[in-house]
Amino acid sequence: LPRLYGPGARVGVVGLGSGTLACYAR
């Protein structure tokens, strides 16, 4: 994400589950 879209990347995730993907947030 930082390489492709810079430090202010805008991310959407469909399906929360246990919230695992949140730990990629910067």
PDB file of all heavy atoms in Angstrom:
ATOM      1  N   LEU A   1       0.808  -1.228   0.000  1.00  0.00           N
ATOM      2  CA  LEU A   1       0.000   0.000   0.000  1.00  0.00           C
ATOM      3  C   LEU A   1       0.841   1.280   0.000  1.00  0.00           C
ATOM      4  O   LEU A   1       0.609   2.178  -0.825  1.00  0.00           O
ATOM      5  CB  LEU A   1      -0.956  -0.009   1.201  1.00  0.00           C
ATOM      6  CG  LEU A   1      -2.225  -0.863   1.069  1.00  0.00           C
ATOM      7  CD1 LEU A   1      -2.972  -0.907   2.401  1.00  0.00           C
ATOM      8  CD2 LEU A   1      -3.133  -0.321  -0.029  1.00  0.00           C
ATOM      9  N   PRO A   2       1.835   1.434   0.895  1.00  0.00           N
ATOM     10  CA  PRO A   2       2.608   2.685   0.880  1.00  0.00           C
ATOM     11  C   PRO A   2       3.326   2.904  -0.452  1.00  0.00           C
ATOM     12  O   PRO A   2       3.428   4.035  -0.939  1.00  0.00           O
ATOM     13  CB  PRO A   2       3.598   2.501   2.035  1.00  0.00           C
ATOM     14  CG  PRO A   2       2.958   1.489   2.928  1.00  0.00           C
ATOM     15  CD  PRO A   2       2.235   0.560   2.011  1.00  0.00           C
ATOM     16  N   ARG A   3       3.818   1.829  -1.036  1.00  0.00           N
ATOM     17  CA  ARG A   3       4.527   1.940  -2.308  1.00  0.00           C
ATOM     18  C   ARG A   3       3.588   2.312  -3.451  1.00  0.00           C
ATOM     19  O   ARG A   3       3.946   3.096  -4.342  1.00  0.00           O
ATOM     20  CB  ARG A   3       5.234   0.604  -2.605  1.00  0.00           C
ATOM     21  CG  ARG A   3       5.902   0.521  -3.959  1.00  0.00           C
ATOM     22  CD  ARG A   3       6.843  -0.683  -4.021  1.00  0.00           C
ATOM     23  NE  ARG A   3       6.200  -1.922  -3.616  1.00  0.00           N
ATOM     24  CZ  ARG A   3       5.525  -2.719  -4.465  1.00  0.00           C
ATOM     25  NH1 ARG A   3       5.388  -2.376  -5.729  1.00  0.00           N
ATOM     26  NH2 ARG A   3       5.002  -3.852  -4.023  1.00  0.00           N
ATOM     27  N   LEU A   4       2.377   1.782  -3.428  1.00  0.00           N
ATOM     28  CA  LEU A   4       1.441   2.008  -4.531  1.00  0.00           C
ATOM     29  C   LEU A   4       0.643   3.298  -4.373  1.00  0.00           C
ATOM     30  O   LEU A   4       0.352   3.980  -5.366  1.00  0.00           O
ATOM     31  CB  LEU A   4       0.471   0.820  -4.642  1.00  0.00           C
ATOM     32  CG  LEU A   4       1.071  -0.542  -5.012  1.00  0.00           C
ATOM     33  CD1 LEU A   4      -0.006  -1.618  -4.961  1.00  0.00           C
ATOM     34  CD2 LEU A   4       1.702  -0.483  -6.402  1.00  0.00           C
ATOM     35  N   TYR A   5       0.275   3.634  -3.121  1.00  0.00           N
ATOM     36  CA  TYR A   5      -0.666   4.739  -2.930  1.00  0.00           C
ATOM     37  C   TYR A   5      -0.187   5.789  -1.928  1.00  0.00           C
ATOM     38  O   TYR A   5      -0.944   6.700  -1.576  1.00  0.00           O
ATOM     39  CB  TYR A   5      -2.032   4.189  -2.479  1.00  0.00           C
ATOM     40  CG  TYR A   5      -2.604   3.181  -3.458  1.00  0.00           C
ATOM     41  CD1 TYR A   5      -2.667   1.832  -3.120  1.00  0.00           C
ATOM     42  CD2 TYR A   5      -3.046   3.572  -4.716  1.00  0.00           C
ATOM     43  CE1 TYR A   5      -3.176   0.898  -4.018  1.00  0.00           C
ATOM     44  CE2 TYR A   5      -3.552   2.649  -5.617  1.00  0.00           C
ATOM     45  CZ  TYR A   5      -3.610   1.309  -5.264  1.00  0.00           C
ATOM     46  OH  TYR A   5      -4.106   0.402  -6.161  1.00  0.00           O
ATOM     47  N   GLY A   6       1.026   5.654  -1.438  1.00  0.00           N
ATOM     48  CA  GLY A   6       1.528   6.637  -0.499  1.00  0.00           C
ATOM     49  C   GLY A   6       1.044   6.379   0.916  1.00  0.00           C
ATOM     50  O   GLY A   6       0.367   5.388   1.196  1.00  0.00           O
ATOM     51  N   PRO A   7       1.377   7.287   1.837  1.00  0.00           N
ATOM     52  CA  PRO A   7       1.057   7.048   3.257  1.00  0.00           C
ATOM     53  C   PRO A   7      -0.427   7.195   3.588  1.00  0.00           C
ATOM     54  O   PRO A   7      -0.849   6.762   4.659  1.00  0.00           O
ATOM     55  CB  PRO A   7       1.879   8.122   3.978  1.00  0.00           C
ATOM     56  CG  PRO A   7       2.026   9.216   2.964  1.00  0.00           C
ATOM     57  CD  PRO A   7       2.135   8.536   1.634  1.00  0.00           C
ATOM     58  N   GLY A   8      -1.209   7.783   2.704  1.00  0.00           N
ATOM     59  CA  GLY A   8      -2.627   8.003   3.016  1.00  0.00           C
ATOM     60  C   GLY A   8      -3.554   7.069   2.277  1.00  0.00           C
ATOM     61  O   GLY A   8      -4.672   7.467   1.886  1.00  0.00           O
ATOM     62  N   ALA A   9      -3.144   5.831   2.058  1.00  0.00           N
ATOM     63  CA  ALA A   9      -3.962   4.875   1.306  1.00  0.00           C
ATOM     64  C   ALA A   9      -5.328   4.685   1.962  1.00  0.00           C
ATOM     65  O   ALA A   9      -5.457   4.673   3.187  1.00  0.00           O
ATOM     66  CB  ALA A   9      -3.238   3.539   1.205  1.00  0.00           C
ATOM     67  N   ARG A  10      -6.337   4.527   1.106  1.00  0.00           N
ATOM     68  CA  ARG A  10      -7.720   4.342   1.571  1.00  0.00           C
ATOM     69  C   ARG A  10      -8.119   2.885   1.325  1.00  0.00           C
ATOM     70  O   ARG A  10      -8.108   2.424   0.186  1.00  0.00           O
ATOM     71  CB  ARG A  10      -8.649   5.293   0.829  1.00  0.00           C
ATOM     72  CG  ARG A  10      -8.278   6.779   1.006  1.00  0.00           C
ATOM     73  CD  ARG A  10      -8.921   7.638  -0.066  1.00  0.00           C
ATOM     74  NE  ARG A  10      -8.503   7.223  -1.409  1.00  0.00           N
ATOM     75  CZ  ARG A  10      -9.053   7.697  -2.533  1.00  0.00           C
ATOM     76  NH1 ARG A  10     -10.010   8.610  -2.479  1.00  0.00           N
ATOM     77  NH2 ARG A  10      -8.628   7.261  -3.714  1.00  0.00           N
ATOM     78  N   VAL A  11      -8.478   2.187   2.397  1.00  0.00           N
ATOM     79  CA  VAL A  11      -8.677   0.737   2.344  1.00  0.00           C
ATOM     80  C   VAL A  11     -10.093   0.386   2.785  1.00  0.00           C
ATOM     81  O   VAL A  11     -10.586   0.902   3.799  1.00  0.00           O
ATOM     82  CB  VAL A  11      -7.655   0.007   3.251  1.00  0.00           C
ATOM     83  CG1 VAL A  11      -7.883  -1.503   3.195  1.00  0.00           C
ATOM     84  CG2 VAL A  11      -6.243   0.364   2.845  1.00  0.00           C
ATOM     85  N   GLY A  12     -10.736  -0.501   2.038  1.00  0.00           N
ATOM     86  CA  GLY A  12     -12.022  -1.058   2.421  1.00  0.00           C
ATOM     87  C   GLY A  12     -11.916  -2.568   2.512  1.00  0.00           C
ATOM     88  O   GLY A  12     -11.231  -3.199   1.698  1.00  0.00           O
ATOM     89  N   VAL A  13     -12.562  -3.166   3.497  1.00  0.00           N
ATOM     90  CA  VAL A  13     -12.542  -4.618   3.684  1.00  0.00           C
ATOM     91  C   VAL A  13     -13.980  -5.090   3.855  1.00  0.00           C
ATOM     92  O   VAL A  13     -14.687  -4.628   4.763  1.00  0.00           O
ATOM     93  CB  VAL A  13     -11.701  -5.037   4.908  1.00  0.00           C
ATOM     94  CG1 VAL A  13     -11.765  -6.551   5.101  1.00  0.00           C
ATOM     95  CG2 VAL A  13     -10.260  -4.571   4.755  1.00  0.00           C
ATOM     96  N   VAL A  14     -14.416  -6.007   2.995  1.00  0.00           N
ATOM     97  CA  VAL A  14     -15.760  -6.585   3.090  1.00  0.00           C
ATOM     98  C   VAL A  14     -15.649  -7.893   3.863  1.00  0.00           C
ATOM     99  O   VAL A  14     -15.041  -8.852   3.390  1.00  0.00           O
ATOM    100  CB  VAL A  14     -16.358  -6.830   1.696  1.00  0.00           C
ATOM    101  CG1 VAL A  14     -17.701  -7.547   1.816  1.00  0.00           C
ATOM    102  CG2 VAL A  14     -16.513  -5.515   0.950  1.00  0.00           C
ATOM    103  N   GLY A  15     -16.194  -7.929   5.055  1.00  0.00           N
ATOM    104  CA  GLY A  15     -16.107  -9.096   5.917  1.00  0.00           C
ATOM    105  C   GLY A  15     -15.104  -8.869   7.031  1.00  0.00           C
ATOM    106  O   GLY A  15     -13.890  -8.843   6.793  1.00  0.00           O
ATOM    107  N   LEU A  16     -15.580  -8.690   8.249  1.00  0.00           N
ATOM    108  CA  LEU A  16     -14.696  -8.337   9.366  1.00  0.00           C
ATOM    109  C   LEU A  16     -14.028  -9.555   9.986  1.00  0.00           C
ATOM    110  O   LEU A  16     -12.831  -9.539  10.275  1.00  0.00           O
ATOM    111  CB  LEU A  16     -15.499  -7.569  10.422  1.00  0.00           C
ATOM    112  CG  LEU A  16     -14.771  -7.173  11.701  1.00  0.00           C
ATOM    113  CD1 LEU A  16     -13.584  -6.281  11.389  1.00  0.00           C
ATOM    114  CD2 LEU A  16     -15.744  -6.468  12.654  1.00  0.00           C
ATOM    115  N   GLY A  17     -14.785 -10.629  10.196  1.00  0.00           N
ATOM    116  CA  GLY A  17     -14.234 -11.801  10.868  1.00  0.00           C
ATOM    117  C   GLY A  17     -13.686 -11.442  12.236  1.00  0.00           C
ATOM    118  O   GLY A  17     -14.299 -10.689  12.995  1.00  0.00           O
ATOM    119  N   SER A  18     -12.503 -11.947  12.557  1.00  0.00           N
ATOM    120  CA  SER A  18     -11.873 -11.624  13.842  1.00  0.00           C
ATOM    121  C   SER A  18     -11.102 -10.313  13.785  1.00  0.00           C
ATOM    122  O   SER A  18     -10.533  -9.888  14.788  1.00  0.00           O
ATOM    123  CB  SER A  18     -10.941 -12.759  14.272  1.00  0.00           C
ATOM    124  OG  SER A  18      -9.945 -12.968  13.292  1.00  0.00           O
ATOM    125  N   GLY A  19     -11.062  -9.675  12.607  1.00  0.00           N
ATOM    126  CA  GLY A  19     -10.368  -8.392  12.463  1.00  0.00           C
ATOM    127  C   GLY A  19      -8.899  -8.514  12.128  1.00  0.00           C
ATOM    128  O   GLY A  19      -8.136  -7.558  12.278  1.00  0.00           O
ATOM    129  N   THR A  20      -8.485  -9.682  11.621  1.00  0.00           N
ATOM    130  CA  THR A  20      -7.059  -9.933  11.381  1.00  0.00           C
ATOM    131  C   THR A  20      -6.408  -8.887  10.484  1.00  0.00           C
ATOM    132  O   THR A  20      -5.297  -8.408  10.765  1.00  0.00           O
ATOM    133  CB  THR A  20      -6.885 -11.324  10.737  1.00  0.00           C
ATOM    134  OG1 THR A  20      -7.601 -12.291  11.504  1.00  0.00           O
ATOM    135  CG2 THR A  20      -5.415 -11.707  10.683  1.00  0.00           C
ATOM    136  N   LEU A  21      -7.076  -8.515   9.392  1.00  0.00           N
ATOM    137  CA  LEU A  21      -6.458  -7.614   8.416  1.00  0.00           C
ATOM    138  C   LEU A  21      -6.144  -6.238   9.002  1.00  0.00           C
ATOM    139  O   LEU A  21      -5.314  -5.502   8.455  1.00  0.00           O
ATOM    140  CB  LEU A  21      -7.367  -7.465   7.195  1.00  0.00           C
ATOM    141  CG  LEU A  21      -7.403  -8.664   6.234  1.00  0.00           C
ATOM    142  CD1 LEU A  21      -8.412  -8.437   5.127  1.00  0.00           C
ATOM    143  CD2 LEU A  21      -6.011  -8.912   5.640  1.00  0.00           C
ATOM    144  N   ALA A  22      -6.800  -5.877  10.104  1.00  0.00           N
ATOM    145  CA  ALA A  22      -6.553  -4.560  10.712  1.00  0.00           C
ATOM    146  C   ALA A  22      -5.096  -4.377  11.102  1.00  0.00           C
ATOM    147  O   ALA A  22      -4.607  -3.245  11.182  1.00  0.00           O
ATOM    148  CB  ALA A  22      -7.453  -4.375  11.935  1.00  0.00           C
ATOM    149  N   CYS A  23      -4.388  -5.470  11.338  1.00  0.00           N
ATOM    150  CA  CYS A  23      -2.993  -5.344  11.770  1.00  0.00           C
ATOM    151  C   CYS A  23      -2.035  -5.040  10.629  1.00  0.00           C
ATOM    152  O   CYS A  23      -0.821  -4.982  10.835  1.00  0.00           O
ATOM    153  CB  CYS A  23      -2.565  -6.596  12.538  1.00  0.00           C
ATOM    154  SG  CYS A  23      -3.256  -6.613  14.219  1.00  0.00           S
ATOM    155  N   TYR A  24      -2.571  -4.849   9.421  1.00  0.00           N
ATOM    156  CA  TYR A  24      -1.764  -4.303   8.326  1.00  0.00           C
ATOM    157  C   TYR A  24      -1.888  -2.777   8.248  1.00  0.00           C
ATOM    158  O   TYR A  24      -1.191  -2.141   7.450  1.00  0.00           O
ATOM    159  CB  TYR A  24      -2.202  -4.899   6.987  1.00  0.00           C
ATOM    160  CG  TYR A  24      -1.720  -6.313   6.758  1.00  0.00           C
ATOM    161  CD1 TYR A  24      -2.608  -7.386   6.805  1.00  0.00           C
ATOM    162  CD2 TYR A  24      -0.379  -6.570   6.494  1.00  0.00           C
ATOM    163  CE1 TYR A  24      -2.173  -8.688   6.583  1.00  0.00           C
ATOM    164  CE2 TYR A  24       0.070  -7.870   6.280  1.00  0.00           C
ATOM    165  CZ  TYR A  24      -0.840  -8.923   6.326  1.00  0.00           C
ATOM    166  OH  TYR A  24      -0.389 -10.210   6.116  1.00  0.00           O
ATOM    167  N   ALA A  25      -2.788  -2.176   9.043  1.00  0.00           N
ATOM    168  CA  ALA A  25      -3.021  -0.727   8.982  1.00  0.00           C
ATOM    169  C   ALA A  25      -1.797   0.035   9.475  1.00  0.00           C
ATOM    170  O   ALA A  25      -1.115  -0.387  10.423  1.00  0.00           O
ATOM    171  CB  ALA A  25      -4.243  -0.365   9.818  1.00  0.00           C
ATOM    172  N   ARG A  26      -1.529   1.187   8.832  1.00  0.00           N
ATOM    173  CA  ARG A  26      -0.422   2.048   9.206  1.00  0.00           C
ATOM    174  C   ARG A  26      -0.940   3.458   9.483  1.00  0.00           C
ATOM    175  O   ARG A  26      -1.966   3.873   8.925  1.00  0.00           O
ATOM    176  CB  ARG A  26       0.624   2.093   8.082  1.00  0.00           C
ATOM    177  CG  ARG A  26       1.296   0.757   7.803  1.00  0.00           C
ATOM    178  CD  ARG A  26       2.162   0.322   8.991  1.00  0.00           C
ATOM    179  NE  ARG A  26       2.760  -1.002   8.793  1.00  0.00           N
ATOM    180  CZ  ARG A  26       2.239  -2.114   9.258  1.00  0.00           C
ATOM    181  NH1 ARG A  26       1.089  -2.074   9.944  1.00  0.00           N
ATOM    182  NH2 ARG A  26       2.838  -3.272   9.061  1.00  0.00           N
TER     183      ARG A  26
END
